[in-house]
Amino acid sequence: MAYLVRALTVLLAGSLILAPQAAADQDEYLRKLQDRLPFLSAEQLLSEGTRICNATRKGTPASDVVVMVRDDLGLSISAAGNVVSTAVVELGC
């Protein structure tokens, strides 16, 4: 039981240390995309970024993720590919 408490404490401390970095990554993700896609809101981009990360973590091929983003946001394949690559880099998918 003590081992479990120590392990959970370490995980919690680690998540708190990384929390500001995650916010900074989201800010950079939005900064890089909002100038190119001003018709999409921050909420739309962040929601799609979450979907991208979930899909890539499940092993969905990048080409399928790009098509998903194209369909979700009504973008060209090129623009959707840019959103996917920006999410992978900035959100750490």
N, C-alpha and C. Protein backbone atom coordinates (compact mmCIF):
# COMPACT_ATOMS: atom_id res chain seq x y z
N MET A 1 0.83 -1.19 0.00
CA MET A 1 0.00 0.00 0.00
C MET A 1 0.87 1.25 0.00
N ALA A 2 1.92 1.26 0.79
CA ALA A 2 2.81 2.42 0.83
C ALA A 2 3.46 2.64 -0.53
N TYR A 3 3.78 1.55 -1.22
CA TYR A 3 4.37 1.66 -2.55
C TYR A 3 3.41 2.35 -3.51
N LEU A 4 2.14 1.99 -3.43
CA LEU A 4 1.12 2.59 -4.29
C LEU A 4 0.98 4.08 -4.01
N VAL A 5 0.98 4.47 -2.76
CA VAL A 5 0.87 5.88 -2.39
C VAL A 5 2.07 6.64 -2.93
N ARG A 6 3.29 6.09 -2.79
CA ARG A 6 4.49 6.75 -3.32
C ARG A 6 4.42 6.88 -4.84
N ALA A 7 3.98 5.83 -5.50
CA ALA A 7 3.89 5.86 -6.96
C ALA A 7 2.89 6.92 -7.42
N LEU A 8 1.75 6.99 -6.77
CA LEU A 8 0.76 8.00 -7.13
C LEU A 8 1.27 9.41 -6.85
N THR A 9 2.01 9.58 -5.77
CA THR A 9 2.59 10.89 -5.45
C THR A 9 3.58 11.32 -6.53
N VAL A 10 4.41 10.40 -6.98
CA VAL A 10 5.38 10.71 -8.04
C VAL A 10 4.65 11.08 -9.33
N LEU A 11 3.61 10.33 -9.69
CA LEU A 11 2.86 10.63 -10.90
C LEU A 11 2.17 11.99 -10.82
N LEU A 12 1.60 12.31 -9.68
CA LEU A 12 0.95 13.59 -9.50
C LEU A 12 1.95 14.73 -9.59
N ALA A 13 3.08 14.58 -8.94
CA ALA A 13 4.11 15.62 -8.98
C ALA A 13 4.60 15.82 -10.42
N GLY A 14 4.78 14.74 -11.14
CA GLY A 14 5.20 14.84 -12.53
C GLY A 14 4.20 15.55 -13.40
N SER A 15 2.93 15.27 -13.17
CA SER A 15 1.90 15.93 -13.98
C SER A 15 1.81 17.42 -13.66
N LEU A 16 2.04 17.79 -12.43
CA LEU A 16 2.03 19.20 -12.07
C LEU A 16 3.22 19.94 -12.67
N ILE A 17 4.34 19.29 -12.73
CA ILE A 17 5.52 19.90 -13.32
C ILE A 17 5.31 20.11 -14.82
N LEU A 18 4.67 19.18 -15.48
CA LEU A 18 4.47 19.25 -16.92
C LEU A 18 3.26 20.09 -17.33
N ALA A 19 2.39 20.42 -16.42
CA ALA A 19 1.16 21.15 -16.76
C ALA A 19 1.42 22.48 -17.45
N PRO A 20 2.33 23.33 -16.98
CA PRO A 20 2.58 24.58 -17.69
C PRO A 20 3.09 24.35 -19.11
N GLN A 21 3.86 23.31 -19.31
CA GLN A 21 4.37 23.00 -20.64
C GLN A 21 3.23 22.66 -21.59
N ALA A 22 2.26 21.92 -21.10
CA ALA A 22 1.12 21.54 -21.94
C ALA A 22 0.35 22.78 -22.39
N ALA A 23 0.15 23.73 -21.49
CA ALA A 23 -0.54 24.97 -21.85
C ALA A 23 0.26 25.75 -22.88
N ALA A 24 1.57 25.79 -22.72
CA ALA A 24 2.41 26.48 -23.68
C ALA A 24 2.32 25.81 -25.04
N ASP A 25 2.28 24.48 -25.08
CA ASP A 25 2.16 23.76 -26.33
C ASP A 25 0.84 24.07 -27.01
N GLN A 26 -0.24 24.15 -26.26
CA GLN A 26 -1.53 24.51 -26.84
C GLN A 26 -1.49 25.91 -27.42
N ASP A 27 -0.85 26.83 -26.70
CA ASP A 27 -0.73 28.20 -27.19
C ASP A 27 0.03 28.25 -28.51
N GLU A 28 1.11 27.49 -28.59
CA GLU A 28 1.91 27.46 -29.82
C GLU A 28 1.12 26.80 -30.96
N TYR A 29 0.41 25.75 -30.65
CA TYR A 29 -0.45 25.07 -31.64
C TYR A 29 -1.45 26.06 -32.22
N LEU A 30 -2.13 26.79 -31.34
CA LEU A 30 -3.11 27.77 -31.80
C LEU A 30 -2.45 28.91 -32.57
N ARG A 31 -1.33 29.39 -32.09
CA ARG A 31 -0.63 30.50 -32.76
C ARG A 31 -0.28 30.12 -34.18
N LYS A 32 0.22 28.91 -34.36
CA LYS A 32 0.64 28.47 -35.69
C LYS A 32 -0.52 28.26 -36.64
N LEU A 33 -1.70 27.94 -36.12
CA LEU A 33 -2.83 27.63 -36.99
C LEU A 33 -3.81 28.77 -37.19
N GLN A 34 -4.00 29.61 -36.19
CA GLN A 34 -5.05 30.62 -36.29
C GLN A 34 -4.76 31.68 -37.36
N ASP A 35 -3.51 31.98 -37.62
CA ASP A 35 -3.20 32.93 -38.69
C ASP A 35 -3.55 32.36 -40.06
N ARG A 36 -3.35 31.05 -40.23
CA ARG A 36 -3.62 30.39 -41.51
C ARG A 36 -5.08 30.01 -41.69
N LEU A 37 -5.76 29.80 -40.56
CA LEU A 37 -7.15 29.34 -40.60
C LEU A 37 -8.03 30.24 -39.72
N PRO A 38 -8.14 31.52 -40.05
CA PRO A 38 -8.85 32.46 -39.17
C PRO A 38 -10.35 32.19 -39.03
N PHE A 39 -10.91 31.38 -39.91
CA PHE A 39 -12.33 31.07 -39.85
C PHE A 39 -12.65 29.97 -38.84
N LEU A 40 -11.60 29.36 -38.27
CA LEU A 40 -11.81 28.34 -37.24
C LEU A 40 -11.53 28.94 -35.86
N SER A 41 -12.38 28.63 -34.90
CA SER A 41 -12.19 29.15 -33.54
C SER A 41 -11.12 28.34 -32.81
N ALA A 42 -10.63 28.92 -31.74
CA ALA A 42 -9.66 28.21 -30.89
C ALA A 42 -10.28 26.92 -30.37
N GLU A 43 -11.55 26.96 -30.02
CA GLU A 43 -12.22 25.77 -29.51
C GLU A 43 -12.27 24.67 -30.57
N GLN A 44 -12.56 25.04 -31.81
CA GLN A 44 -12.60 24.04 -32.88
C GLN A 44 -11.22 23.42 -33.09
N LEU A 45 -10.19 24.26 -33.10
CA LEU A 45 -8.84 23.76 -33.32
C LEU A 45 -8.37 22.88 -32.17
N LEU A 46 -8.66 23.28 -30.93
CA LEU A 46 -8.25 22.46 -29.79
C LEU A 46 -9.02 21.14 -29.75
N SER A 47 -10.29 21.19 -30.06
CA SER A 47 -11.08 19.96 -30.10
C SER A 47 -10.54 19.02 -31.16
N GLU A 48 -10.22 19.55 -32.32
CA GLU A 48 -9.69 18.71 -33.39
C GLU A 48 -8.30 18.19 -33.01
N GLY A 49 -7.52 19.02 -32.34
CA GLY A 49 -6.21 18.58 -31.87
C GLY A 49 -6.32 17.39 -30.93
N THR A 50 -7.31 17.41 -30.07
CA THR A 50 -7.56 16.28 -29.16
C THR A 50 -7.94 15.04 -29.96
N ARG A 51 -8.80 15.21 -30.95
CA ARG A 51 -9.20 14.07 -31.80
C ARG A 51 -8.00 13.50 -32.55
N ILE A 52 -7.14 14.40 -33.03
CA ILE A 52 -5.94 13.96 -33.75
C ILE A 52 -5.05 13.13 -32.84
N CYS A 53 -4.80 13.64 -31.65
CA CYS A 53 -3.94 12.92 -30.70
C CYS A 53 -4.55 11.57 -30.33
N ASN A 54 -5.85 11.54 -30.08
CA ASN A 54 -6.49 10.27 -29.75
C ASN A 54 -6.36 9.27 -30.88
N ALA A 55 -6.56 9.74 -32.11
CA ALA A 55 -6.48 8.84 -33.26
C ALA A 55 -5.06 8.33 -33.47
N THR A 56 -4.07 9.21 -33.37
CA THR A 56 -2.69 8.77 -33.60
C THR A 56 -2.23 7.83 -32.50
N ARG A 57 -2.66 8.07 -31.28
CA ARG A 57 -2.28 7.19 -30.18
C ARG A 57 -2.90 5.80 -30.32
N LYS A 58 -4.02 5.72 -31.01
CA LYS A 58 -4.66 4.42 -31.26
C LYS A 58 -4.05 3.71 -32.46
N GLY A 59 -3.11 4.37 -33.13
CA GLY A 59 -2.45 3.76 -34.27
C GLY A 59 -3.10 4.01 -35.61
N THR A 60 -4.00 4.95 -35.67
CA THR A 60 -4.64 5.29 -36.94
C THR A 60 -3.58 5.86 -37.89
N PRO A 61 -3.53 5.38 -39.12
CA PRO A 61 -2.56 5.90 -40.08
C PRO A 61 -2.75 7.41 -40.31
N ALA A 62 -1.63 8.10 -40.51
CA ALA A 62 -1.67 9.55 -40.69
C ALA A 62 -2.58 9.95 -41.84
N SER A 63 -2.58 9.18 -42.91
CA SER A 63 -3.43 9.52 -44.05
C SER A 63 -4.91 9.50 -43.67
N ASP A 64 -5.29 8.58 -42.82
CA ASP A 64 -6.68 8.52 -42.35
C ASP A 64 -7.01 9.68 -41.41
N VAL A 65 -6.03 10.08 -40.61
CA VAL A 65 -6.23 11.21 -39.70
C VAL A 65 -6.41 12.49 -40.51
N VAL A 66 -5.62 12.65 -41.56
CA VAL A 66 -5.75 13.83 -42.43
C VAL A 66 -7.15 13.88 -43.05
N VAL A 67 -7.65 12.77 -43.52
CA VAL A 67 -9.00 12.72 -44.10
C VAL A 67 -10.04 13.05 -43.04
N MET A 68 -9.84 12.55 -41.82
CA MET A 68 -10.76 12.86 -40.72
C MET A 68 -10.83 14.37 -40.49
N VAL A 69 -9.66 15.01 -40.44
CA VAL A 69 -9.61 16.46 -40.21
C VAL A 69 -10.24 17.21 -41.38
N ARG A 70 -9.96 16.77 -42.59
CA ARG A 70 -10.57 17.38 -43.78
C ARG A 70 -12.10 17.36 -43.66
N ASP A 71 -12.62 16.20 -43.30
CA ASP A 71 -14.07 16.05 -43.19
C ASP A 71 -14.64 16.83 -42.01
N ASP A 72 -13.95 16.80 -40.88
CA ASP A 72 -14.43 17.49 -39.67
C ASP A 72 -14.47 19.00 -39.85
N LEU A 73 -13.42 19.56 -40.45
CA LEU A 73 -13.27 21.01 -40.49
C LEU A 73 -13.54 21.61 -41.87
N GLY A 74 -13.79 20.78 -42.87
CA GLY A 74 -14.06 21.29 -44.20
C GLY A 74 -12.85 21.93 -44.86
N LEU A 75 -11.69 21.34 -44.65
CA LEU A 75 -10.44 21.88 -45.17
C LEU A 75 -9.98 21.11 -46.40
N SER A 76 -9.02 21.68 -47.10
CA SER A 76 -8.35 20.95 -48.17
C SER A 76 -7.45 19.90 -47.53
N ILE A 77 -7.01 18.94 -48.34
CA ILE A 77 -6.09 17.92 -47.83
C ILE A 77 -4.81 18.57 -47.33
N SER A 78 -4.32 19.56 -48.06
CA SER A 78 -3.08 20.24 -47.66
C SER A 78 -3.24 20.94 -46.31
N ALA A 79 -4.33 21.67 -46.14
CA ALA A 79 -4.58 22.37 -44.87
C ALA A 79 -4.79 21.37 -43.74
N ALA A 80 -5.52 20.30 -44.02
CA ALA A 80 -5.74 19.27 -42.99
C ALA A 80 -4.43 18.62 -42.59
N GLY A 81 -3.55 18.37 -43.56
CA GLY A 81 -2.23 17.82 -43.25
C GLY A 81 -1.43 18.75 -42.38
N ASN A 82 -1.56 20.05 -42.61
CA ASN A 82 -0.86 21.03 -41.78
C ASN A 82 -1.39 21.00 -40.35
N VAL A 83 -2.69 20.88 -40.19
CA VAL A 83 -3.27 20.80 -38.84
C VAL A 83 -2.77 19.55 -38.13
N VAL A 84 -2.75 18.44 -38.83
CA VAL A 84 -2.29 17.19 -38.22
C VAL A 84 -0.82 17.29 -37.82
N SER A 85 0.02 17.77 -38.72
CA SER A 85 1.45 17.84 -38.39
C SER A 85 1.71 18.83 -37.26
N THR A 86 0.97 19.93 -37.23
CA THR A 86 1.13 20.89 -36.13
C THR A 86 0.69 20.29 -34.81
N ALA A 87 -0.40 19.53 -34.81
CA ALA A 87 -0.86 18.88 -33.59
C ALA A 87 0.16 17.86 -33.11
N VAL A 88 0.69 17.08 -34.02
CA VAL A 88 1.67 16.05 -33.63
C VAL A 88 2.88 16.69 -32.98
N VAL A 89 3.36 17.78 -33.56
CA VAL A 89 4.57 18.43 -33.04
C VAL A 89 4.27 19.22 -31.76
N GLU A 90 3.26 20.07 -31.79
CA GLU A 90 3.02 20.98 -30.68
C GLU A 90 2.24 20.37 -29.53
N LEU A 91 1.37 19.44 -29.81
CA LEU A 91 0.57 18.82 -28.74
C LEU A 91 1.16 17.49 -28.29
N GLY A 92 2.21 17.06 -28.96
CA GLY A 92 2.91 15.85 -28.55
C GLY A 92 2.13 14.57 -28.78
N CYS A 93 1.38 14.52 -29.84
CA CYS A 93 0.56 13.33 -30.12
C CYS A 93 1.42 12.11 -30.32
